[in-house]
PDB file of N, CA and C in Angstrom:
ATOM      1  N   MET A   1    -129.938  83.713 -47.243  1.00  0.00           N
ATOM      2  CA  MET A   1    -128.632  84.290 -47.016  1.00  0.00           C
ATOM      3  C   MET A   1    -127.573  83.188 -47.072  1.00  0.00           C
ATOM      4  N   ALA A   2    -126.506  83.452 -47.774  1.00  0.00           N
ATOM      5  CA  ALA A   2    -125.437  82.465 -47.912  1.00  0.00           C
ATOM      6  C   ALA A   2    -124.900  82.084 -46.537  1.00  0.00           C
ATOM      7  N   THR A   3    -124.717  80.781 -46.341  1.00  0.00           N
ATOM      8  CA  THR A   3    -124.146  80.310 -45.079  1.00  0.00           C
ATOM      9  C   THR A   3    -123.016  79.347 -45.365  1.00  0.00           C
ATOM     10  N   LYS A   4    -121.961  79.462 -44.560  1.00  0.00           N
ATOM     11  CA  LYS A   4    -120.790  78.602 -44.721  1.00  0.00           C
ATOM     12  C   LYS A   4    -120.527  77.888 -43.413  1.00  0.00           C
ATOM     13  N   ASP A   5    -120.715  76.573 -43.443  1.00  0.00           N
ATOM     14  CA  ASP A   5    -120.397  75.731 -42.302  1.00  0.00           C
ATOM     15  C   ASP A   5    -118.925  75.351 -42.449  1.00  0.00           C
ATOM     16  N   PRO A   6    -118.095  75.584 -41.447  1.00  0.00           N
ATOM     17  CA  PRO A   6    -116.670  75.274 -41.582  1.00  0.00           C
ATOM     18  C   PRO A   6    -116.381  73.786 -41.816  1.00  0.00           C
ATOM     19  N   LEU A   7    -117.359  72.941 -41.563  1.00  0.00           N
ATOM     20  CA  LEU A   7    -117.172  71.512 -41.785  1.00  0.00           C
ATOM     21  C   LEU A   7    -117.549  71.084 -43.201  1.00  0.00           C
ATOM     22  N   GLU A   8    -118.075  72.018 -44.003  1.00  0.00           N
ATOM     23  CA  GLU A   8    -118.478  71.713 -45.383  1.00  0.00           C
ATOM     24  C   GLU A   8    -117.594  72.483 -46.359  1.00  0.00           C
ATOM     25  N   PRO A   9    -117.246  71.854 -47.476  1.00  0.00           N
ATOM     26  CA  PRO A   9    -116.384  72.540 -48.448  1.00  0.00           C
ATOM     27  C   PRO A   9    -117.148  73.445 -49.412  1.00  0.00           C
ATOM     28  N   PHE A  10    -118.409  73.699 -49.138  1.00  0.00           N
ATOM     29  CA  PHE A  10    -119.242  74.522 -50.013  1.00  0.00           C
ATOM     30  C   PHE A  10    -120.036  75.519 -49.187  1.00  0.00           C
ATOM     31  N   THR A  11    -120.557  76.519 -49.867  1.00  0.00           N
ATOM     32  CA  THR A  11    -121.426  77.513 -49.245  1.00  0.00           C
ATOM     33  C   THR A  11    -122.854  77.220 -49.654  1.00  0.00           C
ATOM     34  N   ARG A  12    -123.757  77.267 -48.698  1.00  0.00           N
ATOM     35  CA  ARG A  12    -125.176  77.049 -48.974  1.00  0.00           C
ATOM     36  C   ARG A  12    -125.799  78.378 -49.388  1.00  0.00           C
ATOM     37  N   ILE A  13    -126.530  78.370 -50.527  1.00  0.00           N
ATOM     38  CA  ILE A  13    -127.180  79.579 -51.007  1.00  0.00           C
ATOM     39  C   ILE A  13    -128.641  79.282 -51.337  1.00  0.00           C
ATOM     40  N   SER A  14    -129.448  80.321 -51.296  1.00  0.00           N
ATOM     41  CA  SER A  14    -130.861  80.190 -51.654  1.00  0.00           C
ATOM     42  C   SER A  14    -131.006  80.229 -53.170  1.00  0.00           C
ATOM     43  N   VAL A  15    -132.186  79.887 -53.661  1.00  0.00           N
ATOM     44  CA  VAL A  15    -132.414  79.974 -55.104  1.00  0.00           C
ATOM     45  C   VAL A  15    -132.344  81.430 -55.565  1.00  0.00           C
ATOM     46  N   ALA A  16    -132.759  82.366 -54.733  1.00  0.00           N
ATOM     47  CA  ALA A  16    -132.674  83.782 -55.107  1.00  0.00           C
ATOM     48  C   ALA A  16    -131.209  84.199 -55.274  1.00  0.00           C
ATOM     49  N   GLU A  17    -130.362  83.755 -54.367  1.00  0.00           N
ATOM     50  CA  GLU A  17    -128.925  84.062 -54.479  1.00  0.00           C
ATOM     51  C   GLU A  17    -128.324  83.389 -55.709  1.00  0.00           C
ATOM     52  N   ALA A  18    -128.751  82.146 -55.973  1.00  0.00           N
ATOM     53  CA  ALA A  18    -128.260  81.434 -57.160  1.00  0.00           C
ATOM     54  C   ALA A  18    -128.668  82.173 -58.420  1.00  0.00           C
ATOM     55  N   LYS A  19    -129.914  82.611 -58.475  1.00  0.00           N
ATOM     56  CA  LYS A  19    -130.399  83.332 -59.660  1.00  0.00           C
ATOM     57  C   LYS A  19    -129.590  84.608 -59.877  1.00  0.00           C
ATOM     58  N   GLU A  20    -129.303  85.330 -58.808  1.00  0.00           N
ATOM     59  CA  GLU A  20    -128.490  86.550 -58.910  1.00  0.00           C
ATOM     60  C   GLU A  20    -127.105  86.235 -59.457  1.00  0.00           C
ATOM     61  N   MET A  21    -126.492  85.172 -58.960  1.00  0.00           N
ATOM     62  CA  MET A  21    -125.153  84.791 -59.424  1.00  0.00           C
ATOM     63  C   MET A  21    -125.179  84.394 -60.894  1.00  0.00           C
ATOM     64  N   ILE A  22    -126.213  83.668 -61.292  1.00  0.00           N
ATOM     65  CA  ILE A  22    -126.345  83.233 -62.688  1.00  0.00           C
ATOM     66  C   ILE A  22    -126.535  84.448 -63.589  1.00  0.00           C
ATOM     67  N   GLU A  23    -127.388  85.358 -63.175  1.00  0.00           N
ATOM     68  CA  GLU A  23    -127.632  86.557 -63.980  1.00  0.00           C
ATOM     69  C   GLU A  23    -126.393  87.436 -64.088  1.00  0.00           C
ATOM     70  N   ALA A  24    -125.558  87.447 -63.049  1.00  0.00           N
ATOM     71  CA  ALA A  24    -124.322  88.231 -63.080  1.00  0.00           C
ATOM     72  C   ALA A  24    -123.302  87.596 -64.022  1.00  0.00           C
ATOM     73  N   GLY A  25    -123.456  86.298 -64.280  1.00  0.00           N
ATOM     74  CA  GLY A  25    -122.573  85.594 -65.214  1.00  0.00           C
ATOM     75  C   GLY A  25    -121.327  85.048 -64.561  1.00  0.00           C
ATOM     76  N   ASN A  26    -120.536  84.373 -65.376  1.00  0.00           N
ATOM     77  CA  ASN A  26    -119.261  83.802 -64.965  1.00  0.00           C
ATOM     78  C   ASN A  26    -119.391  82.747 -63.860  1.00  0.00           C
ATOM     79  N   VAL A  27    -120.443  81.921 -63.920  1.00  0.00           N
ATOM     80  CA  VAL A  27    -120.595  80.775 -63.028  1.00  0.00           C
ATOM     81  C   VAL A  27    -120.948  79.557 -63.875  1.00  0.00           C
ATOM     82  N   GLN A  28    -120.686  78.390 -63.329  1.00  0.00           N
ATOM     83  CA  GLN A  28    -121.121  77.150 -63.966  1.00  0.00           C
ATOM     84  C   GLN A  28    -122.212  76.554 -63.084  1.00  0.00           C
ATOM     85  N   VAL A  29    -123.289  76.105 -63.709  1.00  0.00           N
ATOM     86  CA  VAL A  29    -124.387  75.484 -62.965  1.00  0.00           C
ATOM     87  C   VAL A  29    -124.416  74.007 -63.321  1.00  0.00           C
ATOM     88  N   ILE A  30    -124.321  73.168 -62.298  1.00  0.00           N
ATOM     89  CA  ILE A  30    -124.349  71.719 -62.475  1.00  0.00           C
ATOM     90  C   ILE A  30    -125.640  71.166 -61.889  1.00  0.00           C
ATOM     91  N   ASP A  31    -126.418  70.491 -62.730  1.00  0.00           N
ATOM     92  CA  ASP A  31    -127.630  69.795 -62.284  1.00  0.00           C
ATOM     93  C   ASP A  31    -127.200  68.394 -61.882  1.00  0.00           C
ATOM     94  N   SER A  32    -127.274  68.107 -60.588  1.00  0.00           N
ATOM     95  CA  SER A  32    -126.786  66.840 -60.042  1.00  0.00           C
ATOM     96  C   SER A  32    -127.824  65.722 -60.049  1.00  0.00           C
ATOM     97  N   ARG A  33    -128.928  65.931 -60.753  1.00  0.00           N
ATOM     98  CA  ARG A  33    -129.976  64.906 -60.814  1.00  0.00           C
ATOM     99  C   ARG A  33    -129.700  63.941 -61.958  1.00  0.00           C
ATOM    100  N   GLU A  34    -130.555  62.956 -62.069  1.00  0.00           N
ATOM    101  CA  GLU A  34    -130.455  61.967 -63.137  1.00  0.00           C
ATOM    102  C   GLU A  34    -130.892  62.583 -64.466  1.00  0.00           C
ATOM    103  N   PRO A  35    -130.435  62.026 -65.592  1.00  0.00           N
ATOM    104  CA  PRO A  35    -130.756  62.605 -66.901  1.00  0.00           C
ATOM    105  C   PRO A  35    -132.251  62.803 -67.163  1.00  0.00           C
ATOM    106  N   HIS A  36    -133.094  61.851 -66.771  1.00  0.00           N
ATOM    107  CA  HIS A  36    -134.530  62.017 -67.035  1.00  0.00           C
ATOM    108  C   HIS A  36    -135.111  63.181 -66.237  1.00  0.00           C
ATOM    109  N   GLU A  37    -134.594  63.443 -65.039  1.00  0.00           N
ATOM    110  CA  GLU A  37    -135.057  64.576 -64.242  1.00  0.00           C
ATOM    111  C   GLU A  37    -134.628  65.889 -64.901  1.00  0.00           C
ATOM    112  N   HIS A  38    -133.395  65.920 -65.371  1.00  0.00           N
ATOM    113  CA  HIS A  38    -132.868  67.105 -66.060  1.00  0.00           C
ATOM    114  C   HIS A  38    -133.699  67.397 -67.300  1.00  0.00           C
ATOM    115  N   TYR A  39    -134.004  66.369 -68.047  1.00  0.00           N
ATOM    116  CA  TYR A  39    -134.772  66.511 -69.286  1.00  0.00           C
ATOM    117  C   TYR A  39    -136.151  67.130 -69.017  1.00  0.00           C
ATOM    118  N   ASP A  40    -136.761  66.747 -67.901  1.00  0.00           N
ATOM    119  CA  ASP A  40    -138.114  67.215 -67.571  1.00  0.00           C
ATOM    120  C   ASP A  40    -138.176  68.679 -67.153  1.00  0.00           C
ATOM    121  N   GLY A  41    -137.055  69.267 -66.780  1.00  0.00           N
ATOM    122  CA  GLY A  41    -137.022  70.677 -66.407  1.00  0.00           C
ATOM    123  C   GLY A  41    -135.829  71.018 -65.550  1.00  0.00           C
ATOM    124  N   HIS A  42    -135.085  72.054 -65.957  1.00  0.00           N
ATOM    125  CA  HIS A  42    -133.861  72.420 -65.245  1.00  0.00           C
ATOM    126  C   HIS A  42    -133.563  73.911 -65.381  1.00  0.00           C
ATOM    127  N   VAL A  43    -132.629  74.372 -64.569  1.00  0.00           N
ATOM    128  CA  VAL A  43    -132.155  75.748 -64.649  1.00  0.00           C
ATOM    129  C   VAL A  43    -131.557  75.942 -66.041  1.00  0.00           C
ATOM    130  N   PRO A  44    -131.972  76.984 -66.747  1.00  0.00           N
ATOM    131  CA  PRO A  44    -131.439  77.216 -68.092  1.00  0.00           C
ATOM    132  C   PRO A  44    -129.906  77.259 -68.109  1.00  0.00           C
ATOM    133  N   GLY A  45    -129.343  76.542 -69.071  1.00  0.00           N
ATOM    134  CA  GLY A  45    -127.899  76.532 -69.239  1.00  0.00           C
ATOM    135  C   GLY A  45    -127.142  75.600 -68.328  1.00  0.00           C
ATOM    136  N   SER A  46    -127.843  74.868 -67.462  1.00  0.00           N
ATOM    137  CA  SER A  46    -127.134  73.982 -66.545  1.00  0.00           C
ATOM    138  C   SER A  46    -126.629  72.731 -67.267  1.00  0.00           C
ATOM    139  N   LEU A  47    -125.529  72.216 -66.766  1.00  0.00           N
ATOM    140  CA  LEU A  47    -124.915  71.002 -67.293  1.00  0.00           C
ATOM    141  C   LEU A  47    -125.325  69.843 -66.404  1.00  0.00           C
ATOM    142  N   ASN A  48    -125.826  68.772 -66.988  1.00  0.00           N
ATOM    143  CA  ASN A  48    -126.275  67.623 -66.218  1.00  0.00           C
ATOM    144  C   ASN A  48    -125.117  66.673 -65.956  1.00  0.00           C
ATOM    145  N   ILE A  49    -124.734  66.592 -64.679  1.00  0.00           N
ATOM    146  CA  ILE A  49    -123.760  65.608 -64.209  1.00  0.00           C
ATOM    147  C   ILE A  49    -124.358  64.994 -62.950  1.00  0.00           C
ATOM    148  N   PRO A  50    -124.963  63.801 -63.060  1.00  0.00           N
ATOM    149  CA  PRO A  50    -125.537  63.171 -61.871  1.00  0.00           C
ATOM    150  C   PRO A  50    -124.508  63.103 -60.732  1.00  0.00           C
ATOM    151  N   HIS A  51    -124.976  63.231 -59.516  1.00  0.00           N
ATOM    152  CA  HIS A  51    -124.055  63.351 -58.377  1.00  0.00           C
ATOM    153  C   HIS A  51    -123.026  62.227 -58.308  1.00  0.00           C
ATOM    154  N   MET A  52    -123.418  61.013 -58.625  1.00  0.00           N
ATOM    155  CA  MET A  52    -122.464  59.904 -58.558  1.00  0.00           C
ATOM    156  C   MET A  52    -121.489  59.891 -59.740  1.00  0.00           C
ATOM    157  N   ALA A  53    -121.689  60.770 -60.708  1.00  0.00           N
ATOM    158  CA  ALA A  53    -120.763  60.881 -61.843  1.00  0.00           C
ATOM    159  C   ALA A  53    -119.820  62.074 -61.683  1.00  0.00           C
ATOM    160  N   THR A  54    -119.922  62.782 -60.563  1.00  0.00           N
ATOM    161  CA  THR A  54    -119.096  63.977 -60.368  1.00  0.00           C
ATOM    162  C   THR A  54    -117.609  63.662 -60.454  1.00  0.00           C
ATOM    163  N   LEU A  55    -117.161  62.633 -59.776  1.00  0.00           N
ATOM    164  CA  LEU A  55    -115.732  62.300 -59.823  1.00  0.00           C
ATOM    165  C   LEU A  55    -115.292  61.824 -61.205  1.00  0.00           C
ATOM    166  N   PRO A  56    -115.992  60.859 -61.816  1.00  0.00           N
ATOM    167  CA  PRO A  56    -115.552  60.434 -63.144  1.00  0.00           C
ATOM    168  C   PRO A  56    -115.611  61.545 -64.190  1.00  0.00           C
ATOM    169  N   ARG A  57    -116.490  62.514 -64.000  1.00  0.00           N
ATOM    170  CA  ARG A  57    -116.633  63.604 -64.977  1.00  0.00           C
ATOM    171  C   ARG A  57    -116.050  64.919 -64.467  1.00  0.00           C
ATOM    172  N   ASN A  58    -115.127  64.856 -63.526  1.00  0.00           N
ATOM    173  CA  ASN A  58    -114.603  66.091 -62.939  1.00  0.00           C
ATOM    174  C   ASN A  58    -113.896  66.977 -63.955  1.00  0.00           C
ATOM    175  N   ALA A  59    -113.467  66.434 -65.084  1.00  0.00           N
ATOM    176  CA  ALA A  59    -112.842  67.260 -66.128  1.00  0.00           C
ATOM    177  C   ALA A  59    -113.860  68.231 -66.740  1.00  0.00           C
ATOM    178  N   ASP A  60    -115.163  67.943 -66.580  1.00  0.00           N
ATOM    179  CA  ASP A  60    -116.213  68.824 -67.097  1.00  0.00           C
ATOM    180  C   ASP A  60    -116.508  70.001 -66.164  1.00  0.00           C
ATOM    181  N   LEU A  61    -115.923  69.978 -64.966  1.00  0.00           N
ATOM    182  CA  LEU A  61    -116.147  71.056 -64.001  1.00  0.00           C
ATOM    183  C   LEU A  61    -115.182  72.200 -64.299  1.00  0.00           C
ATOM    184  N   ASP A  62    -115.707  73.402 -64.346  1.00  0.00           N
ATOM    185  CA  ASP A  62    -114.910  74.578 -64.687  1.00  0.00           C
ATOM    186  C   ASP A  62    -114.045  74.989 -63.499  1.00  0.00           C
ATOM    187  N   ARG A  63    -112.754  74.961 -63.703  1.00  0.00           N
ATOM    188  CA  ARG A  63    -111.837  75.313 -62.626  1.00  0.00           C
ATOM    189  C   ARG A  63    -111.624  76.818 -62.485  1.00  0.00           C
ATOM    190  N   ASP A  64    -112.177  77.594 -63.410  1.00  0.00           N
ATOM    191  CA  ASP A  64    -111.970  79.045 -63.397  1.00  0.00           C
ATOM    192  C   ASP A  64    -113.210  79.841 -63.013  1.00  0.00           C
ATOM    193  N   LYS A  65    -114.269  79.157 -62.596  1.00  0.00           N
ATOM    194  CA  LYS A  65    -115.518  79.831 -62.236  1.00  0.00           C
ATOM    195  C   LYS A  65    -116.078  79.220 -60.960  1.00  0.00           C
ATOM    196  N   PRO A  66    -116.865  79.996 -60.225  1.00  0.00           N
ATOM    197  CA  PRO A  66    -117.622  79.392 -59.125  1.00  0.00           C
ATOM    198  C   PRO A  66    -118.600  78.368 -59.723  1.00  0.00           C
ATOM    199  N   ILE A  67    -118.838  77.285 -58.992  1.00  0.00           N
ATOM    200  CA  ILE A  67    -119.744  76.243 -59.468  1.00  0.00           C
ATOM    201  C   ILE A  67    -120.931  76.144 -58.518  1.00  0.00           C
ATOM    202  N   LEU A  68    -122.136  76.241 -59.105  1.00  0.00           N
ATOM    203  CA  LEU A  68    -123.373  76.093 -58.353  1.00  0.00           C
ATOM    204  C   LEU A  68    -123.922  74.699 -58.628  1.00  0.00           C
ATOM    205  N   PHE A  69    -124.106  73.910 -57.583  1.00  0.00           N
ATOM    206  CA  PHE A  69    -124.679  72.580 -57.712  1.00  0.00           C
ATOM    207  C   PHE A  69    -126.140  72.641 -57.281  1.00  0.00           C
ATOM    208  N   ILE A  70    -127.012  72.039 -58.096  1.00  0.00           N
ATOM    209  CA  ILE A  70    -128.445  72.030 -57.790  1.00  0.00           C
ATOM    210  C   ILE A  70    -129.001  70.655 -58.141  1.00  0.00           C
ATOM    211  N   CYS A  71    -129.907  70.171 -57.306  1.00  0.00           N
ATOM    212  CA  CYS A  71    -130.587  68.892 -57.589  1.00  0.00           C
ATOM    213  C   CYS A  71    -132.080  69.118 -57.383  1.00  0.00           C
ATOM    214  N   LYS A  72    -132.782  68.131 -56.881  1.00  0.00           N
ATOM    215  CA  LYS A  72    -134.216  68.290 -56.656  1.00  0.00           C
ATOM    216  C   LYS A  72    -134.477  69.141 -55.411  1.00  0.00           C
ATOM    217  N   SER A  73    -133.775  68.808 -54.311  1.00  0.00           N
ATOM    218  CA  SER A  73    -134.055  69.507 -53.058  1.00  0.00           C
ATOM    219  C   SER A  73    -132.810  69.996 -52.320  1.00  0.00           C
ATOM    220  N   GLY A  74    -131.628  69.599 -52.755  1.00  0.00           N
ATOM    221  CA  GLY A  74    -130.398  70.066 -52.124  1.00  0.00           C
ATOM    222  C   GLY A  74    -129.530  68.993 -51.507  1.00  0.00           C
ATOM    223  N   GLN A  75    -129.971  67.748 -51.544  1.00  0.00           N
ATOM    224  CA  GLN A  75    -129.203  66.663 -50.931  1.00  0.00           C
ATOM    225  C   GLN A  75    -128.113  66.125 -51.865  1.00  0.00           C
ATOM    226  N   ARG A  76    -128.516  65.710 -53.058  1.00  0.00           N
ATOM    227  CA  ARG A  76    -127.542  65.152 -54.009  1.00  0.00           C
ATOM    228  C   ARG A  76    -126.528  66.201 -54.441  1.00  0.00           C
ATOM    229  N   SER A  77    -126.982  67.439 -54.563  1.00  0.00           N
ATOM    230  CA  SER A  77    -126.061  68.499 -54.962  1.00  0.00           C
ATOM    231  C   SER A  77    -125.004  68.744 -53.883  1.00  0.00           C
ATOM    232  N   ALA A  78    -125.359  68.584 -52.623  1.00  0.00           N
ATOM    233  CA  ALA A  78    -124.383  68.717 -51.538  1.00  0.00           C
ATOM    234  C   ALA A  78    -123.316  67.631 -51.657  1.00  0.00           C
ATOM    235  N   VAL A  79    -123.745  66.417 -51.964  1.00  0.00           N
ATOM    236  CA  VAL A  79    -122.800  65.310 -52.154  1.00  0.00           C
ATOM    237  C   VAL A  79    -121.895  65.603 -53.352  1.00  0.00           C
ATOM    238  N   ALA A  80    -122.480  66.094 -54.438  1.00  0.00           N
ATOM    239  CA  ALA A  80    -121.693  66.424 -55.625  1.00  0.00           C
ATOM    240  C   ALA A  80    -120.651  67.490 -55.306  1.00  0.00           C
ATOM    241  N   ALA A  81    -121.022  68.493 -54.537  1.00  0.00           N
ATOM    242  CA  ALA A  81    -120.077  69.545 -54.150  1.00  0.00           C
ATOM    243  C   ALA A  81    -118.957  68.973 -53.289  1.00  0.00           C
ATOM    244  N   GLU A  82    -119.299  68.031 -52.420  1.00  0.00           N
ATOM    245  CA  GLU A  82    -118.267  67.354 -51.612  1.00  0.00           C
ATOM    246  C   GLU A  82    -117.289  66.617 -52.523  1.00  0.00           C
ATOM    247  N   PHE A  83    -117.817  65.916 -53.516  1.00  0.00           N
ATOM    248  CA  PHE A  83    -116.952  65.210 -54.468  1.00  0.00           C
ATOM    249  C   PHE A  83    -116.047  66.192 -55.205  1.00  0.00           C
ATOM    250  N   ALA A  84    -116.607  67.326 -55.639  1.00  0.00           N
ATOM    251  CA  ALA A  84    -115.825  68.333 -56.369  1.00  0.00           C
ATOM    252  C   ALA A  84    -114.685  68.868 -55.504  1.00  0.00           C
ATOM    253  N   ALA A  85    -114.939  68.986 -54.222  1.00  0.00           N
ATOM    254  CA  ALA A  85    -113.899  69.476 -53.312  1.00  0.00           C
ATOM    255  C   ALA A  85    -112.727  68.497 -53.236  1.00  0.00           C
ATOM    256  N   THR A  86    -113.015  67.209 -53.384  1.00  0.00           N
ATOM    257  CA  THR A  86    -111.942  66.214 -53.282  1.00  0.00           C
ATOM    258  C   THR A  86    -110.955  66.289 -54.444  1.00  0.00           C
ATOM    259  N   VAL A  87    -111.351  66.953 -55.541  1.00  0.00           N
ATOM    260  CA  VAL A  87    -110.424  67.115 -56.668  1.00  0.00           C
ATOM    261  C   VAL A  87    -109.831  68.523 -56.688  1.00  0.00           C
ATOM    262  N   GLY A  88    -109.953  69.230 -55.563  1.00  0.00           N
ATOM    263  CA  GLY A  88    -109.279  70.497 -55.403  1.00  0.00           C
ATOM    264  C   GLY A  88    -110.065  71.747 -55.736  1.00  0.00           C
ATOM    265  N   LEU A  89    -111.336  71.618 -56.079  1.00  0.00           N
ATOM    266  CA  LEU A  89    -112.139  72.803 -56.382  1.00  0.00           C
ATOM    267  C   LEU A  89    -112.591  73.468 -55.082  1.00  0.00           C
ATOM    268  N   THR A  90    -112.637  74.795 -55.092  1.00  0.00           N
ATOM    269  CA  THR A  90    -112.927  75.505 -53.847  1.00  0.00           C
ATOM    270  C   THR A  90    -114.104  76.474 -53.913  1.00  0.00           C
ATOM    271  N   GLU A  91    -114.422  77.031 -55.061  1.00  0.00           N
ATOM    272  CA  GLU A  91    -115.544  77.975 -55.155  1.00  0.00           C
ATOM    273  C   GLU A  91    -116.821  77.202 -55.464  1.00  0.00           C
ATOM    274  N   LEU A  92    -117.335  76.528 -54.437  1.00  0.00           N
ATOM    275  CA  LEU A  92    -118.458  75.614 -54.593  1.00  0.00           C
ATOM    276  C   LEU A  92    -119.659  76.104 -53.800  1.00  0.00           C
ATOM    277  N   PHE A  93    -120.840  75.986 -54.430  1.00  0.00           N
ATOM    278  CA  PHE A  93    -122.077  76.445 -53.818  1.00  0.00           C
ATOM    279  C   PHE A  93    -123.157  75.379 -53.974  1.00  0.00           C
ATOM    280  N   ASN A  94    -123.920  75.157 -52.914  1.00  0.00           N
ATOM    281  CA  ASN A  94    -125.052  74.235 -52.968  1.00  0.00           C
ATOM    282  C   ASN A  94    -126.331  75.059 -52.905  1.00  0.00           C
ATOM    283  N   VAL A  95    -127.200  74.861 -53.893  1.00  0.00           N
ATOM    284  CA  VAL A  95    -128.459  75.606 -53.951  1.00  0.00           C
ATOM    285  C   VAL A  95    -129.482  74.887 -53.069  1.00  0.00           C
ATOM    286  N   GLU A  96    -129.782  75.501 -51.941  1.00  0.00           N
ATOM    287  CA  GLU A  96    -130.712  74.921 -50.977  1.00  0.00           C
ATOM    288  C   GLU A  96    -132.121  74.902 -51.549  1.00  0.00           C
ATOM    289  N   GLY A  97    -132.803  73.786 -51.368  1.00  0.00           N
ATOM    290  CA  GLY A  97    -134.168  73.646 -51.868  1.00  0.00           C
ATOM    291  C   GLY A  97    -134.236  73.176 -53.309  1.00  0.00           C
ATOM    292  N   GLY A  98    -133.114  73.264 -54.016  1.00  0.00           N
ATOM    293  CA  GLY A  98    -132.983  72.726 -55.358  1.00  0.00           C
ATOM    294  C   GLY A  98    -134.024  73.204 -56.358  1.00  0.00           C
ATOM    295  N   HIS A  99    -134.282  72.342 -57.341  1.00  0.00           N
ATOM    296  CA  HIS A  99    -135.244  72.673 -58.393  1.00  0.00           C
ATOM    297  C   HIS A  99    -136.659  72.833 -57.848  1.00  0.00           C
ATOM    298  N   ASP A 100    -136.969  72.151 -56.745  1.00  0.00           N
ATOM    299  CA  ASP A 100    -138.289  72.332 -56.139  1.00  0.00           C
ATOM    300  C   ASP A 100    -138.472  73.798 -55.732  1.00  0.00           C
ATOM    301  N   ALA A 101    -137.475  74.371 -55.062  1.00  0.00           N
ATOM    302  CA  ALA A 101    -137.546  75.769 -54.634  1.00  0.00           C
ATOM    303  C   ALA A 101    -137.452  76.708 -55.828  1.00  0.00           C
ATOM    304  N   TRP A 102    -136.648  76.346 -56.829  1.00  0.00           N
ATOM    305  CA  TRP A 102    -136.515  77.165 -58.042  1.00  0.00           C
ATOM    306  C   TRP A 102    -137.873  77.300 -58.726  1.00  0.00           C
ATOM    307  N   ARG A 103    -138.561  76.162 -58.877  1.00  0.00           N
ATOM    308  CA  ARG A 103    -139.880  76.147 -59.523  1.00  0.00           C
ATOM    309  C   ARG A 103    -140.889  76.933 -58.683  1.00  0.00           C
ATOM    310  N   THR A 104    -140.889  76.718 -57.378  1.00  0.00           N
ATOM    311  CA  THR A 104    -141.810  77.415 -56.482  1.00  0.00           C
ATOM    312  C   THR A 104    -141.621  78.926 -56.552  1.00  0.00           C
ATOM    313  N   ALA A 105    -140.374  79.362 -56.721  1.00  0.00           N
ATOM    314  CA  ALA A 105    -140.075  80.799 -56.828  1.00  0.00           C
ATOM    315  C   ALA A 105    -140.555  81.385 -58.168  1.00  0.00           C
ATOM    316  N   GLY A 106    -140.931  80.500 -59.100  1.00  0.00           N
ATOM    317  CA  GLY A 106    -141.423  80.971 -60.388  1.00  0.00           C
ATOM    318  C   GLY A 106    -140.333  81.305 -61.385  1.00  0.00           C
ATOM    319  N   TYR A 107    -139.128  80.836 -61.122  1.00  0.00           N
ATOM    320  CA  TYR A 107    -138.014  81.117 -62.036  1.00  0.00           C
ATOM    321  C   TYR A 107    -138.101  80.243 -63.271  1.00  0.00           C
ATOM    322  N   GLU A 108    -137.545  80.762 -64.351  1.00  0.00           N
ATOM    323  CA  GLU A 108    -137.575  80.067 -65.638  1.00  0.00           C
ATOM    324  C   GLU A 108    -136.892  78.707 -65.556  1.00  0.00           C
ATOM    325  N   MET A 109    -137.490  77.763 -66.260  1.00  0.00           N
ATOM    326  CA  MET A 109    -136.882  76.434 -66.417  1.00  0.00           C
ATOM    327  C   MET A 109    -136.967  76.078 -67.881  1.00  0.00           C
ATOM    328  N   GLU A 110    -136.014  75.253 -68.330  1.00  0.00           N
ATOM    329  CA  GLU A 110    -136.073  74.758 -69.698  1.00  0.00           C
ATOM    330  C   GLU A 110    -136.129  73.246 -69.656  1.00  0.00           C
ATOM    331  N   THR A 111    -136.632  72.653 -70.744  1.00  0.00           N
ATOM    332  CA  THR A 111    -136.736  71.203 -70.833  1.00  0.00           C
ATOM    333  C   THR A 111    -135.842  70.696 -71.959  1.00  0.00           C
ATOM    334  N   GLY A 112    -135.623  69.411 -71.965  1.00  0.00           N
ATOM    335  CA  GLY A 112    -134.760  68.802 -72.970  1.00  0.00           C
ATOM    336  C   GLY A 112    -133.333  68.722 -72.465  1.00  0.00           C
ATOM    337  N   ASP A 113    -132.441  68.400 -73.368  1.00  0.00           N
ATOM    338  CA  ASP A 113    -131.039  68.219 -72.973  1.00  0.00           C
ATOM    339  C   ASP A 113    -130.329  69.503 -72.702  1.00  0.00           C
TER     340      ASP A 113
END
């Protein structure tokens, strides 16, 4: 269930909630892991922006859609969402459990760039 801590600029969502949002469309998915991790398997259609590159690459973040950040387990993606908030973005979501939970749930993953 989505949870919003008033001290965080993002909403925490489960992989099931993320999958529903992705299937409904009109969201951007950012893989906050390193390029080699993204290459090995990621949420289909996700854009790879490592968490420490969020600020330098903030022009790649869609200002007109909710943004779902996902990493391996949910830590780096939370940091990336915090960075995105500093440039004025507000519809931010952190996928709890990350790709580990996505894979465990049996959801589709793609490999390569």
